[in-house]
Amino acid sequence: MTIAFWCVFVAGVLPYAATLIAKSGRRNFDNRDPRAWLAQQEGFRKRANAAQLNSFEAFPFFAAAVIIAHITKGQVPLVDTLALLFVGARVLYLALYLANLASLRSLVWFVGLGLAVAILIVAAI
């Protein structure tokens, strides 16, 4: 299995880290209706939940890009590097979201998107 495929795995479980942050440490967490409970949160918990949702949204495009690059036998070392950078950008994105640094977070979001696009470009050449 390539590094890029491992990155797909990490990117796939990364949203759950944000979920744990959003839900941890609260005694009044209601698992019977967790979405309604999360919708009422404020501060870092609310931001962690938003980061979770965005991470789930970003994942399919990245995963598809990696799979397409492998199917087309794209340059594996370059795809691996781009995938590692994508995962790093998504981890940084989560940290910036939690820290409430919106402008930097948006910049890192665009970097992550650009990396996924770059993987597809590598697949095309």
N, C-alpha and C. Protein backbone atom coordinates (compact mmCIF):
# COMPACT_ATOMS: atom_id res chain seq x y z
N MET A 1 0.85 -1.18 0.00
CA MET A 1 0.00 0.00 0.00
C MET A 1 0.89 1.24 0.00
N THR A 2 0.56 2.21 -0.82
CA THR A 2 1.39 3.40 -0.94
C THR A 2 1.13 4.37 0.21
N ILE A 3 2.03 5.33 0.35
CA ILE A 3 1.87 6.38 1.35
C ILE A 3 0.58 7.15 1.09
N ALA A 4 0.28 7.42 -0.17
CA ALA A 4 -0.94 8.16 -0.50
C ALA A 4 -2.19 7.42 -0.03
N PHE A 5 -2.20 6.10 -0.16
CA PHE A 5 -3.35 5.34 0.33
C PHE A 5 -3.46 5.42 1.85
N TRP A 6 -2.33 5.43 2.55
CA TRP A 6 -2.35 5.62 4.01
C TRP A 6 -2.87 7.01 4.34
N CYS A 7 -2.53 7.98 3.51
CA CYS A 7 -3.04 9.33 3.72
C CYS A 7 -4.56 9.39 3.56
N VAL A 8 -5.09 8.60 2.63
CA VAL A 8 -6.55 8.51 2.49
C VAL A 8 -7.15 7.98 3.79
N PHE A 9 -6.52 6.97 4.36
CA PHE A 9 -6.99 6.43 5.64
C PHE A 9 -6.98 7.51 6.72
N VAL A 10 -5.87 8.22 6.85
CA VAL A 10 -5.75 9.26 7.88
C VAL A 10 -6.78 10.36 7.64
N ALA A 11 -6.92 10.80 6.39
CA ALA A 11 -7.91 11.83 6.08
C ALA A 11 -9.33 11.35 6.36
N GLY A 12 -9.55 10.06 6.22
CA GLY A 12 -10.87 9.50 6.50
C GLY A 12 -11.22 9.45 7.97
N VAL A 13 -10.22 9.30 8.83
CA VAL A 13 -10.49 9.25 10.28
C VAL A 13 -10.29 10.61 10.96
N LEU A 14 -9.67 11.55 10.27
CA LEU A 14 -9.42 12.86 10.87
C LEU A 14 -10.70 13.57 11.33
N PRO A 15 -11.81 13.48 10.59
CA PRO A 15 -13.02 14.14 11.09
C PRO A 15 -13.45 13.63 12.47
N TYR A 16 -13.15 12.38 12.76
CA TYR A 16 -13.56 11.82 14.05
C TYR A 16 -12.75 12.41 15.20
N ALA A 17 -11.53 12.87 14.92
CA ALA A 17 -10.76 13.59 15.95
C ALA A 17 -11.49 14.87 16.32
N ALA A 18 -11.98 15.58 15.31
CA ALA A 18 -12.75 16.80 15.58
C ALA A 18 -14.03 16.47 16.34
N THR A 19 -14.66 15.35 16.01
CA THR A 19 -15.87 14.93 16.71
C THR A 19 -15.58 14.70 18.19
N LEU A 20 -14.48 14.00 18.48
CA LEU A 20 -14.12 13.75 19.87
C LEU A 20 -13.85 15.05 20.62
N ILE A 21 -13.20 15.99 19.97
CA ILE A 21 -12.94 17.28 20.61
C ILE A 21 -14.26 18.00 20.90
N ALA A 22 -15.17 17.97 19.94
CA ALA A 22 -16.45 18.66 20.12
C ALA A 22 -17.28 18.06 21.25
N LYS A 23 -17.19 16.75 21.43
CA LYS A 23 -18.06 16.07 22.39
C LYS A 23 -17.40 15.78 23.74
N SER A 24 -16.09 15.87 23.82
CA SER A 24 -15.41 15.44 25.05
C SER A 24 -15.53 16.47 26.17
N GLY A 25 -15.52 15.94 27.38
CA GLY A 25 -15.46 16.78 28.56
C GLY A 25 -16.76 17.45 28.96
N ARG A 26 -17.85 17.15 28.31
CA ARG A 26 -19.13 17.76 28.67
C ARG A 26 -20.00 16.71 29.35
N ARG A 27 -20.40 17.00 30.54
CA ARG A 27 -21.23 16.06 31.30
C ARG A 27 -22.66 15.97 30.76
N ASN A 28 -23.12 17.02 30.13
CA ASN A 28 -24.52 17.04 29.68
C ASN A 28 -24.68 16.58 28.23
N PHE A 29 -23.67 15.90 27.68
CA PHE A 29 -23.79 15.41 26.31
C PHE A 29 -24.95 14.44 26.20
N ASP A 30 -25.80 14.64 25.21
CA ASP A 30 -26.98 13.80 25.01
C ASP A 30 -26.78 12.94 23.77
N ASN A 31 -26.45 11.68 23.98
CA ASN A 31 -26.20 10.77 22.86
C ASN A 31 -27.50 10.32 22.19
N ARG A 32 -28.64 10.61 22.80
CA ARG A 32 -29.91 10.27 22.15
C ARG A 32 -30.21 11.22 20.99
N ASP A 33 -29.65 12.44 21.07
CA ASP A 33 -29.85 13.43 20.01
C ASP A 33 -28.58 14.28 19.88
N PRO A 34 -27.48 13.66 19.43
CA PRO A 34 -26.20 14.37 19.43
C PRO A 34 -26.16 15.56 18.49
N ARG A 35 -26.89 15.52 17.39
CA ARG A 35 -26.85 16.64 16.45
C ARG A 35 -27.50 17.88 17.04
N ALA A 36 -28.61 17.70 17.73
CA ALA A 36 -29.25 18.84 18.38
C ALA A 36 -28.35 19.39 19.49
N TRP A 37 -27.69 18.49 20.23
CA TRP A 37 -26.78 18.92 21.30
C TRP A 37 -25.62 19.71 20.70
N LEU A 38 -25.03 19.20 19.62
CA LEU A 38 -23.92 19.90 18.98
C LEU A 38 -24.34 21.26 18.43
N ALA A 39 -25.56 21.35 17.92
CA ALA A 39 -26.05 22.62 17.36
C ALA A 39 -26.15 23.70 18.43
N GLN A 40 -26.27 23.31 19.69
CA GLN A 40 -26.40 24.27 20.79
C GLN A 40 -25.05 24.69 21.38
N GLN A 41 -23.98 24.07 20.94
CA GLN A 41 -22.67 24.37 21.53
C GLN A 41 -22.13 25.71 21.04
N GLU A 42 -21.18 26.22 21.79
CA GLU A 42 -20.52 27.48 21.44
C GLU A 42 -19.02 27.30 21.56
N GLY A 43 -18.29 28.29 21.12
CA GLY A 43 -16.85 28.28 21.29
C GLY A 43 -16.17 27.18 20.51
N PHE A 44 -15.12 26.60 21.13
CA PHE A 44 -14.31 25.62 20.42
C PHE A 44 -15.10 24.37 20.06
N ARG A 45 -16.11 24.01 20.85
CA ARG A 45 -16.91 22.83 20.52
C ARG A 45 -17.70 23.05 19.23
N LYS A 46 -18.27 24.22 19.09
CA LYS A 46 -18.99 24.55 17.86
C LYS A 46 -18.04 24.56 16.67
N ARG A 47 -16.85 25.13 16.86
CA ARG A 47 -15.87 25.17 15.77
C ARG A 47 -15.37 23.77 15.45
N ALA A 48 -15.19 22.92 16.46
CA ALA A 48 -14.74 21.53 16.21
C ALA A 48 -15.79 20.78 15.41
N ASN A 49 -17.05 21.02 15.71
CA ASN A 49 -18.11 20.36 14.95
C ASN A 49 -18.11 20.86 13.50
N ALA A 50 -17.92 22.15 13.30
CA ALA A 50 -17.86 22.69 11.94
C ALA A 50 -16.65 22.12 11.19
N ALA A 51 -15.53 21.99 11.88
CA ALA A 51 -14.33 21.41 11.26
C ALA A 51 -14.58 19.95 10.88
N GLN A 52 -15.30 19.25 11.74
CA GLN A 52 -15.66 17.85 11.44
C GLN A 52 -16.47 17.78 10.15
N LEU A 53 -17.48 18.62 10.04
CA LEU A 53 -18.33 18.60 8.85
C LEU A 53 -17.54 18.95 7.60
N ASN A 54 -16.67 19.96 7.69
CA ASN A 54 -15.87 20.34 6.54
C ASN A 54 -14.89 19.24 6.17
N SER A 55 -14.36 18.54 7.15
CA SER A 55 -13.42 17.45 6.87
C SER A 55 -14.12 16.31 6.13
N PHE A 56 -15.35 16.03 6.53
CA PHE A 56 -16.12 15.02 5.80
C PHE A 56 -16.40 15.47 4.36
N GLU A 57 -16.60 16.77 4.16
CA GLU A 57 -16.85 17.30 2.82
C GLU A 57 -15.61 17.24 1.94
N ALA A 58 -14.44 17.50 2.52
CA ALA A 58 -13.19 17.53 1.76
C ALA A 58 -12.70 16.13 1.40
N PHE A 59 -13.06 15.15 2.19
CA PHE A 59 -12.52 13.80 2.03
C PHE A 59 -12.80 13.14 0.68
N PRO A 60 -14.04 13.14 0.17
CA PRO A 60 -14.30 12.39 -1.07
C PRO A 60 -13.46 12.87 -2.26
N PHE A 61 -13.30 14.16 -2.40
CA PHE A 61 -12.52 14.69 -3.53
C PHE A 61 -11.07 14.25 -3.43
N PHE A 62 -10.50 14.34 -2.23
CA PHE A 62 -9.12 13.91 -2.02
C PHE A 62 -8.97 12.42 -2.28
N ALA A 63 -9.86 11.62 -1.71
CA ALA A 63 -9.78 10.16 -1.89
C ALA A 63 -9.91 9.79 -3.37
N ALA A 64 -10.85 10.41 -4.06
CA ALA A 64 -11.02 10.14 -5.49
C ALA A 64 -9.76 10.53 -6.26
N ALA A 65 -9.17 11.66 -5.92
CA ALA A 65 -7.96 12.10 -6.62
C ALA A 65 -6.83 11.08 -6.46
N VAL A 66 -6.65 10.58 -5.24
CA VAL A 66 -5.60 9.58 -5.00
C VAL A 66 -5.89 8.30 -5.77
N ILE A 67 -7.11 7.85 -5.73
CA ILE A 67 -7.47 6.61 -6.43
C ILE A 67 -7.29 6.78 -7.94
N ILE A 68 -7.74 7.91 -8.48
CA ILE A 68 -7.56 8.16 -9.91
C ILE A 68 -6.08 8.20 -10.27
N ALA A 69 -5.28 8.85 -9.45
CA ALA A 69 -3.84 8.92 -9.72
C ALA A 69 -3.22 7.53 -9.74
N HIS A 70 -3.68 6.64 -8.88
CA HIS A 70 -3.14 5.29 -8.87
C HIS A 70 -3.64 4.47 -10.06
N ILE A 71 -4.88 4.66 -10.42
CA ILE A 71 -5.42 3.94 -11.58
C ILE A 71 -4.68 4.33 -12.85
N THR A 72 -4.38 5.62 -12.98
CA THR A 72 -3.69 6.10 -14.17
C THR A 72 -2.18 5.96 -14.06
N LYS A 73 -1.75 5.35 -12.96
CA LYS A 73 -0.32 5.14 -12.71
C LYS A 73 0.45 6.46 -12.72
N GLY A 74 -0.15 7.45 -12.02
CA GLY A 74 0.52 8.74 -11.85
C GLY A 74 1.84 8.55 -11.12
N GLN A 75 2.65 9.57 -11.13
CA GLN A 75 3.97 9.50 -10.51
C GLN A 75 3.82 9.28 -9.00
N VAL A 76 4.01 8.05 -8.56
CA VAL A 76 3.73 7.66 -7.18
C VAL A 76 4.49 8.50 -6.16
N PRO A 77 5.79 8.74 -6.31
CA PRO A 77 6.46 9.58 -5.30
C PRO A 77 5.86 10.98 -5.18
N LEU A 78 5.48 11.57 -6.30
CA LEU A 78 4.89 12.90 -6.27
C LEU A 78 3.49 12.85 -5.65
N VAL A 79 2.71 11.85 -6.02
CA VAL A 79 1.37 11.70 -5.43
C VAL A 79 1.49 11.48 -3.93
N ASP A 80 2.44 10.67 -3.50
CA ASP A 80 2.65 10.44 -2.07
C ASP A 80 2.97 11.76 -1.35
N THR A 81 3.84 12.55 -1.95
CA THR A 81 4.22 13.83 -1.34
C THR A 81 3.03 14.78 -1.26
N LEU A 82 2.30 14.88 -2.34
CA LEU A 82 1.12 15.75 -2.35
C LEU A 82 0.08 15.28 -1.34
N ALA A 83 -0.09 13.98 -1.21
CA ALA A 83 -1.06 13.43 -0.25
C ALA A 83 -0.62 13.73 1.18
N LEU A 84 0.67 13.58 1.46
CA LEU A 84 1.17 13.93 2.80
C LEU A 84 0.94 15.40 3.10
N LEU A 85 1.19 16.24 2.11
CA LEU A 85 0.97 17.68 2.30
C LEU A 85 -0.52 17.98 2.52
N PHE A 86 -1.39 17.25 1.81
CA PHE A 86 -2.84 17.43 2.01
C PHE A 86 -3.22 17.10 3.45
N VAL A 87 -2.75 15.97 3.94
CA VAL A 87 -3.08 15.58 5.31
C VAL A 87 -2.53 16.61 6.30
N GLY A 88 -1.31 17.08 6.06
CA GLY A 88 -0.75 18.11 6.92
C GLY A 88 -1.59 19.38 6.90
N ALA A 89 -2.07 19.76 5.72
CA ALA A 89 -2.92 20.94 5.60
C ALA A 89 -4.23 20.75 6.35
N ARG A 90 -4.79 19.55 6.27
CA ARG A 90 -6.06 19.30 6.96
C ARG A 90 -5.88 19.28 8.48
N VAL A 91 -4.76 18.78 8.96
CA VAL A 91 -4.49 18.81 10.40
C VAL A 91 -4.32 20.27 10.85
N LEU A 92 -3.57 21.04 10.08
CA LEU A 92 -3.40 22.45 10.38
C LEU A 92 -4.73 23.19 10.31
N TYR A 93 -5.55 22.85 9.33
CA TYR A 93 -6.89 23.44 9.20
C TYR A 93 -7.69 23.22 10.48
N LEU A 94 -7.68 22.00 10.98
CA LEU A 94 -8.40 21.69 12.21
C LEU A 94 -7.88 22.53 13.37
N ALA A 95 -6.56 22.61 13.51
CA ALA A 95 -5.97 23.39 14.60
C ALA A 95 -6.34 24.87 14.49
N LEU A 96 -6.31 25.39 13.27
CA LEU A 96 -6.65 26.80 13.08
C LEU A 96 -8.14 27.06 13.33
N TYR A 97 -8.97 26.09 12.98
CA TYR A 97 -10.40 26.22 13.26
C TYR A 97 -10.63 26.26 14.77
N LEU A 98 -9.99 25.36 15.48
CA LEU A 98 -10.15 25.34 16.94
C LEU A 98 -9.63 26.62 17.58
N ALA A 99 -8.55 27.17 17.02
CA ALA A 99 -7.95 28.40 17.57
C ALA A 99 -8.71 29.65 17.12
N ASN A 100 -9.73 29.50 16.30
CA ASN A 100 -10.55 30.60 15.82
C ASN A 100 -9.75 31.61 14.99
N LEU A 101 -8.88 31.10 14.15
CA LEU A 101 -8.07 31.93 13.26
C LEU A 101 -8.63 31.78 11.84
N ALA A 102 -9.71 32.48 11.58
CA ALA A 102 -10.52 32.27 10.38
C ALA A 102 -9.76 32.55 9.08
N SER A 103 -9.01 33.63 9.01
CA SER A 103 -8.33 33.97 7.76
C SER A 103 -7.26 32.94 7.41
N LEU A 104 -6.45 32.57 8.39
CA LEU A 104 -5.43 31.55 8.15
C LEU A 104 -6.08 30.21 7.81
N ARG A 105 -7.17 29.91 8.51
CA ARG A 105 -7.89 28.66 8.25
C ARG A 105 -8.36 28.62 6.81
N SER A 106 -8.92 29.71 6.30
CA SER A 106 -9.39 29.75 4.92
C SER A 106 -8.24 29.58 3.94
N LEU A 107 -7.11 30.20 4.24
CA LEU A 107 -5.94 30.05 3.38
C LEU A 107 -5.50 28.59 3.32
N VAL A 108 -5.45 27.93 4.47
CA VAL A 108 -5.04 26.53 4.53
C VAL A 108 -6.08 25.64 3.83
N TRP A 109 -7.34 26.01 3.90
CA TRP A 109 -8.37 25.26 3.19
C TRP A 109 -8.09 25.29 1.69
N PHE A 110 -7.76 26.49 1.17
CA PHE A 110 -7.44 26.61 -0.25
C PHE A 110 -6.18 25.82 -0.61
N VAL A 111 -5.21 25.79 0.27
CA VAL A 111 -4.00 25.00 0.02
C VAL A 111 -4.38 23.52 -0.10
N GLY A 112 -5.21 23.03 0.81
CA GLY A 112 -5.65 21.63 0.74
C GLY A 112 -6.38 21.33 -0.54
N LEU A 113 -7.27 22.21 -0.95
CA LEU A 113 -7.99 22.02 -2.20
C LEU A 113 -7.01 22.00 -3.37
N GLY A 114 -6.07 22.92 -3.36
CA GLY A 114 -5.07 22.97 -4.42
C GLY A 114 -4.24 21.70 -4.49
N LEU A 115 -3.94 21.12 -3.34
CA LEU A 115 -3.17 19.87 -3.32
C LEU A 115 -3.97 18.72 -3.93
N ALA A 116 -5.26 18.66 -3.62
CA ALA A 116 -6.11 17.61 -4.21
C ALA A 116 -6.20 17.79 -5.72
N VAL A 117 -6.32 19.03 -6.17
CA VAL A 117 -6.35 19.31 -7.60
C VAL A 117 -5.01 18.91 -8.23
N ALA A 118 -3.92 19.22 -7.54
CA ALA A 118 -2.59 18.87 -8.05
C ALA A 118 -2.45 17.36 -8.24
N ILE A 119 -3.03 16.59 -7.33
CA ILE A 119 -2.98 15.12 -7.46
C ILE A 119 -3.69 14.71 -8.75
N LEU A 120 -4.83 15.33 -9.02
CA LEU A 120 -5.55 15.02 -10.27
C LEU A 120 -4.75 15.44 -11.49
N ILE A 121 -4.07 16.56 -11.41
CA ILE A 121 -3.24 17.00 -12.54
C ILE A 121 -2.11 16.00 -12.80
N VAL A 122 -1.50 15.52 -11.72
CA VAL A 122 -0.46 14.51 -11.86
C VAL A 122 -1.02 13.27 -12.55
N ALA A 123 -2.27 12.93 -12.22
CA ALA A 123 -2.91 11.77 -12.84
C ALA A 123 -3.12 11.99 -14.33
N ALA A 124 -3.32 13.25 -14.71
CA ALA A 124 -3.63 13.55 -16.11
C ALA A 124 -2.41 13.63 -16.99
N ILE A 125 -1.23 13.78 -16.40
CA ILE A 125 -0.03 13.93 -17.23
C ILE A 125 0.80 12.66 -17.27
